[in-house]
Amino acid sequence: MKLHEELSEFENHPYEKRSFLYLDILSWLESKIQNVPVEVIIKQKAQKLIK
C-alpha cells in the first residue's frame, strides 16, 4: 500500500506521466491489494472516465 501511495504522486507529474501510459503499475498494484484480476481494475477505471 505504501508503494501505491508513493507512485500515485508521480502519476500526473509531467516527466513521469509517460511511464504510466506504457505500464499501468498502479492498476496492477490495486489488483494485488484487492485480490482481483487487473482487467477488472482497468475496466472500472475506464467506466469512471466514460461517465
PDB file of N, CA and C in Angstrom:
ATOM      1  N   MET A   1       0.821  -1.180   0.000  1.00  0.00           N
ATOM      2  CA  MET A   1       0.000   0.000   0.000  1.00  0.00           C
ATOM      3  C   MET A   1       0.870   1.251   0.000  1.00  0.00           C
ATOM      4  N   LYS A   2       1.974   1.187   0.703  1.00  0.00           N
ATOM      5  CA  LYS A   2       2.858   2.342   0.745  1.00  0.00           C
ATOM      6  C   LYS A   2       3.431   2.629  -0.646  1.00  0.00           C
ATOM      7  N   LEU A   3       3.790   1.576  -1.354  1.00  0.00           N
ATOM      8  CA  LEU A   3       4.314   1.740  -2.711  1.00  0.00           C
ATOM      9  C   LEU A   3       3.273   2.400  -3.606  1.00  0.00           C
ATOM     10  N   HIS A   4       2.027   1.986  -3.471  1.00  0.00           N
ATOM     11  CA  HIS A   4       0.941   2.570  -4.269  1.00  0.00           C
ATOM     12  C   HIS A   4       0.831   4.065  -3.986  1.00  0.00           C
ATOM     13  N   GLU A   5       0.891   4.447  -2.727  1.00  0.00           N
ATOM     14  CA  GLU A   5       0.810   5.861  -2.352  1.00  0.00           C
ATOM     15  C   GLU A   5       1.983   6.650  -2.932  1.00  0.00           C
ATOM     16  N   GLU A   6       3.169   6.068  -2.848  1.00  0.00           N
ATOM     17  CA  GLU A   6       4.360   6.751  -3.352  1.00  0.00           C
ATOM     18  C   GLU A   6       4.294   6.936  -4.867  1.00  0.00           C
ATOM     19  N   LEU A   7       3.852   5.914  -5.578  1.00  0.00           N
ATOM     20  CA  LEU A   7       3.779   6.003  -7.037  1.00  0.00           C
ATOM     21  C   LEU A   7       2.649   6.913  -7.499  1.00  0.00           C
ATOM     22  N   SER A   8       1.591   7.007  -6.719  1.00  0.00           N
ATOM     23  CA  SER A   8       0.458   7.866  -7.077  1.00  0.00           C
ATOM     24  C   SER A   8       0.890   9.321  -7.222  1.00  0.00           C
ATOM     25  N   GLU A   9       1.882   9.711  -6.455  1.00  0.00           N
ATOM     26  CA  GLU A   9       2.379  11.083  -6.516  1.00  0.00           C
ATOM     27  C   GLU A   9       2.942  11.418  -7.899  1.00  0.00           C
ATOM     28  N   PHE A  10       3.464  10.426  -8.593  1.00  0.00           N
ATOM     29  CA  PHE A  10       4.111  10.651  -9.880  1.00  0.00           C
ATOM     30  C   PHE A  10       3.176  10.500 -11.071  1.00  0.00           C
ATOM     31  N   GLU A  11       1.971  10.032 -10.845  1.00  0.00           N
ATOM     32  CA  GLU A  11       1.054   9.727 -11.945  1.00  0.00           C
ATOM     33  C   GLU A  11       0.764  10.946 -12.824  1.00  0.00           C
ATOM     34  N   ASN A  12       0.676  12.118 -12.252  1.00  0.00           N
ATOM     35  CA  ASN A  12       0.369  13.323 -13.026  1.00  0.00           C
ATOM     36  C   ASN A  12       1.571  14.250 -13.194  1.00  0.00           C
ATOM     37  N   HIS A  13       2.731  13.782 -12.807  1.00  0.00           N
ATOM     38  CA  HIS A  13       3.954  14.564 -12.976  1.00  0.00           C
ATOM     39  C   HIS A  13       4.275  14.637 -14.467  1.00  0.00           C
ATOM     40  N   PRO A  14       4.573  15.832 -14.985  1.00  0.00           N
ATOM     41  CA  PRO A  14       4.777  15.981 -16.437  1.00  0.00           C
ATOM     42  C   PRO A  14       5.857  15.068 -17.029  1.00  0.00           C
ATOM     43  N   TYR A  15       6.921  14.801 -16.289  1.00  0.00           N
ATOM     44  CA  TYR A  15       8.012  13.991 -16.830  1.00  0.00           C
ATOM     45  C   TYR A  15       7.842  12.498 -16.550  1.00  0.00           C
ATOM     46  N   GLU A  16       7.081  12.157 -15.558  1.00  0.00           N
ATOM     47  CA  GLU A  16       6.888  10.757 -15.187  1.00  0.00           C
ATOM     48  C   GLU A  16       5.608  10.170 -15.773  1.00  0.00           C
ATOM     49  N   LYS A  17       4.750  11.012 -16.275  1.00  0.00           N
ATOM     50  CA  LYS A  17       3.437  10.606 -16.779  1.00  0.00           C
ATOM     51  C   LYS A  17       3.530   9.548 -17.884  1.00  0.00           C
ATOM     52  N   ARG A  18       4.499   9.690 -18.747  1.00  0.00           N
ATOM     53  CA  ARG A  18       4.646   8.778 -19.882  1.00  0.00           C
ATOM     54  C   ARG A  18       4.841   7.329 -19.428  1.00  0.00           C
ATOM     55  N   SER A  19       5.567   7.130 -18.367  1.00  0.00           N
ATOM     56  CA  SER A  19       5.785   5.773 -17.850  1.00  0.00           C
ATOM     57  C   SER A  19       4.474   5.096 -17.487  1.00  0.00           C
ATOM     58  N   PHE A  20       3.551   5.863 -16.955  1.00  0.00           N
ATOM     59  CA  PHE A  20       2.268   5.301 -16.548  1.00  0.00           C
ATOM     60  C   PHE A  20       1.391   4.976 -17.755  1.00  0.00           C
ATOM     61  N   LEU A  21       1.666   5.587 -18.884  1.00  0.00           N
ATOM     62  CA  LEU A  21       0.920   5.259 -20.098  1.00  0.00           C
ATOM     63  C   LEU A  21       1.329   3.890 -20.639  1.00  0.00           C
ATOM     64  N   TYR A  22       2.601   3.564 -20.490  1.00  0.00           N
ATOM     65  CA  TYR A  22       3.110   2.297 -21.009  1.00  0.00           C
ATOM     66  C   TYR A  22       2.863   1.128 -20.061  1.00  0.00           C
ATOM     67  N   LEU A  23       2.938   1.388 -18.786  1.00  0.00           N
ATOM     68  CA  LEU A  23       2.774   0.336 -17.788  1.00  0.00           C
ATOM     69  C   LEU A  23       1.892   0.866 -16.668  1.00  0.00           C
ATOM     70  N   ASP A  24       0.704   0.344 -16.555  1.00  0.00           N
ATOM     71  CA  ASP A  24      -0.238   0.809 -15.538  1.00  0.00           C
ATOM     72  C   ASP A  24       0.046   0.082 -14.224  1.00  0.00           C
ATOM     73  N   ILE A  25       1.147   0.471 -13.614  1.00  0.00           N
ATOM     74  CA  ILE A  25       1.591  -0.196 -12.389  1.00  0.00           C
ATOM     75  C   ILE A  25       0.614   0.029 -11.246  1.00  0.00           C
ATOM     76  N   LEU A  26      -0.047   1.180 -11.222  1.00  0.00           N
ATOM     77  CA  LEU A  26      -0.995   1.445 -10.145  1.00  0.00           C
ATOM     78  C   LEU A  26      -2.189   0.496 -10.210  1.00  0.00           C
ATOM     79  N   SER A  27      -2.681   0.246 -11.392  1.00  0.00           N
ATOM     80  CA  SER A  27      -3.791  -0.707 -11.531  1.00  0.00           C
ATOM     81  C   SER A  27      -3.341  -2.110 -11.145  1.00  0.00           C
ATOM     82  N   TRP A  28      -2.139  -2.462 -11.518  1.00  0.00           N
ATOM     83  CA  TRP A  28      -1.615  -3.774 -11.156  1.00  0.00           C
ATOM     84  C   TRP A  28      -1.511  -3.905  -9.635  1.00  0.00           C
ATOM     85  N   LEU A  29      -0.990  -2.859  -8.980  1.00  0.00           N
ATOM     86  CA  LEU A  29      -0.881  -2.895  -7.524  1.00  0.00           C
ATOM     87  C   LEU A  29      -2.255  -2.973  -6.865  1.00  0.00           C
ATOM     88  N   GLU A  30      -3.204  -2.199  -7.373  1.00  0.00           N
ATOM     89  CA  GLU A  30      -4.563  -2.240  -6.830  1.00  0.00           C
ATOM     90  C   GLU A  30      -5.155  -3.639  -6.967  1.00  0.00           C
ATOM     91  N   SER A  31      -4.876  -4.287  -8.082  1.00  0.00           N
ATOM     92  CA  SER A  31      -5.409  -5.640  -8.280  1.00  0.00           C
ATOM     93  C   SER A  31      -4.814  -6.616  -7.270  1.00  0.00           C
ATOM     94  N   LYS A  32      -3.549  -6.449  -6.963  1.00  0.00           N
ATOM     95  CA  LYS A  32      -2.911  -7.325  -5.976  1.00  0.00           C
ATOM     96  C   LYS A  32      -3.436  -7.040  -4.573  1.00  0.00           C
ATOM     97  N   ILE A  33      -3.655  -5.769  -4.258  1.00  0.00           N
ATOM     98  CA  ILE A  33      -4.176  -5.393  -2.942  1.00  0.00           C
ATOM     99  C   ILE A  33      -5.596  -5.913  -2.755  1.00  0.00           C
ATOM    100  N   GLN A  34      -6.425  -5.772  -3.797  1.00  0.00           N
ATOM    101  CA  GLN A  34      -7.833  -6.167  -3.713  1.00  0.00           C
ATOM    102  C   GLN A  34      -8.060  -7.636  -4.071  1.00  0.00           C
ATOM    103  N   ASN A  35      -7.016  -8.296  -4.553  1.00  0.00           N
ATOM    104  CA  ASN A  35      -7.088  -9.707  -4.951  1.00  0.00           C
ATOM    105  C   ASN A  35      -8.133  -9.942  -6.049  1.00  0.00           C
ATOM    106  N   VAL A  36      -8.094  -9.089  -7.056  1.00  0.00           N
ATOM    107  CA  VAL A  36      -8.954  -9.236  -8.239  1.00  0.00           C
ATOM    108  C   VAL A  36      -8.065  -9.122  -9.475  1.00  0.00           C
ATOM    109  N   PRO A  37      -8.504  -9.640 -10.612  1.00  0.00           N
ATOM    110  CA  PRO A  37      -7.694  -9.528 -11.835  1.00  0.00           C
ATOM    111  C   PRO A  37      -7.484  -8.062 -12.238  1.00  0.00           C
ATOM    112  N   VAL A  38      -6.337  -7.786 -12.801  1.00  0.00           N
ATOM    113  CA  VAL A  38      -6.011  -6.420 -13.213  1.00  0.00           C
ATOM    114  C   VAL A  38      -7.003  -5.911 -14.260  1.00  0.00           C
ATOM    115  N   GLU A  39      -7.551  -6.814 -15.051  1.00  0.00           N
ATOM    116  CA  GLU A  39      -8.527  -6.421 -16.070  1.00  0.00           C
ATOM    117  C   GLU A  39      -9.750  -5.763 -15.442  1.00  0.00           C
ATOM    118  N   VAL A  40     -10.157  -6.267 -14.289  1.00  0.00           N
ATOM    119  CA  VAL A  40     -11.325  -5.714 -13.594  1.00  0.00           C
ATOM    120  C   VAL A  40     -11.041  -4.284 -13.142  1.00  0.00           C
ATOM    121  N   ILE A  41      -9.872  -4.053 -12.606  1.00  0.00           N
ATOM    122  CA  ILE A  41      -9.489  -2.720 -12.138  1.00  0.00           C
ATOM    123  C   ILE A  41      -9.447  -1.745 -13.306  1.00  0.00           C
ATOM    124  N   ILE A  42      -8.830  -2.154 -14.409  1.00  0.00           N
ATOM    125  CA  ILE A  42      -8.722  -1.282 -15.579  1.00  0.00           C
ATOM    126  C   ILE A  42     -10.098  -0.981 -16.149  1.00  0.00           C
ATOM    127  N   LYS A  43     -10.959  -1.983 -16.191  1.00  0.00           N
ATOM    128  CA  LYS A  43     -12.318  -1.781 -16.696  1.00  0.00           C
ATOM    129  C   LYS A  43     -13.082  -0.795 -15.812  1.00  0.00           C
ATOM    130  N   GLN A  44     -12.930  -0.907 -14.497  1.00  0.00           N
ATOM    131  CA  GLN A  44     -13.594   0.012 -13.574  1.00  0.00           C
ATOM    132  C   GLN A  44     -13.110   1.445 -13.788  1.00  0.00           C
ATOM    133  N   LYS A  45     -11.820   1.613 -13.964  1.00  0.00           N
ATOM    134  CA  LYS A  45     -11.264   2.949 -14.198  1.00  0.00           C
ATOM    135  C   LYS A  45     -11.771   3.528 -15.516  1.00  0.00           C
ATOM    136  N   ALA A  46     -11.851   2.698 -16.536  1.00  0.00           N
ATOM    137  CA  ALA A  46     -12.336   3.156 -17.839  1.00  0.00           C
ATOM    138  C   ALA A  46     -13.796   3.580 -17.747  1.00  0.00           C
ATOM    139  N   GLN A  47     -14.599   2.832 -17.018  1.00  0.00           N
ATOM    140  CA  GLN A  47     -16.010   3.176 -16.867  1.00  0.00           C
ATOM    141  C   GLN A  47     -16.176   4.490 -16.117  1.00  0.00           C
ATOM    142  N   LYS A  48     -15.314   4.764 -15.140  1.00  0.00           N
ATOM    143  CA  LYS A  48     -15.369   6.036 -14.409  1.00  0.00           C
ATOM    144  C   LYS A  48     -15.047   7.207 -15.335  1.00  0.00           C
ATOM    145  N   LEU A  49     -14.115   7.001 -16.260  1.00  0.00           N
ATOM    146  CA  LEU A  49     -13.741   8.068 -17.189  1.00  0.00           C
ATOM    147  C   LEU A  49     -14.849   8.364 -18.189  1.00  0.00           C
ATOM    148  N   ILE A  50     -15.591   7.335 -18.560  1.00  0.00           N
ATOM    149  CA  ILE A  50     -16.669   7.497 -19.540  1.00  0.00           C
ATOM    150  C   ILE A  50     -17.832   8.273 -18.945  1.00  0.00           C
ATOM    151  N   LYS A  51     -18.098   8.062 -17.669  1.00  0.00           N
ATOM    152  CA  LYS A  51     -19.237   8.719 -17.017  1.00  0.00           C
ATOM    153  C   LYS A  51     -19.024  10.157 -16.859  1.00  0.00           C
TER     154      LYS A  51
END
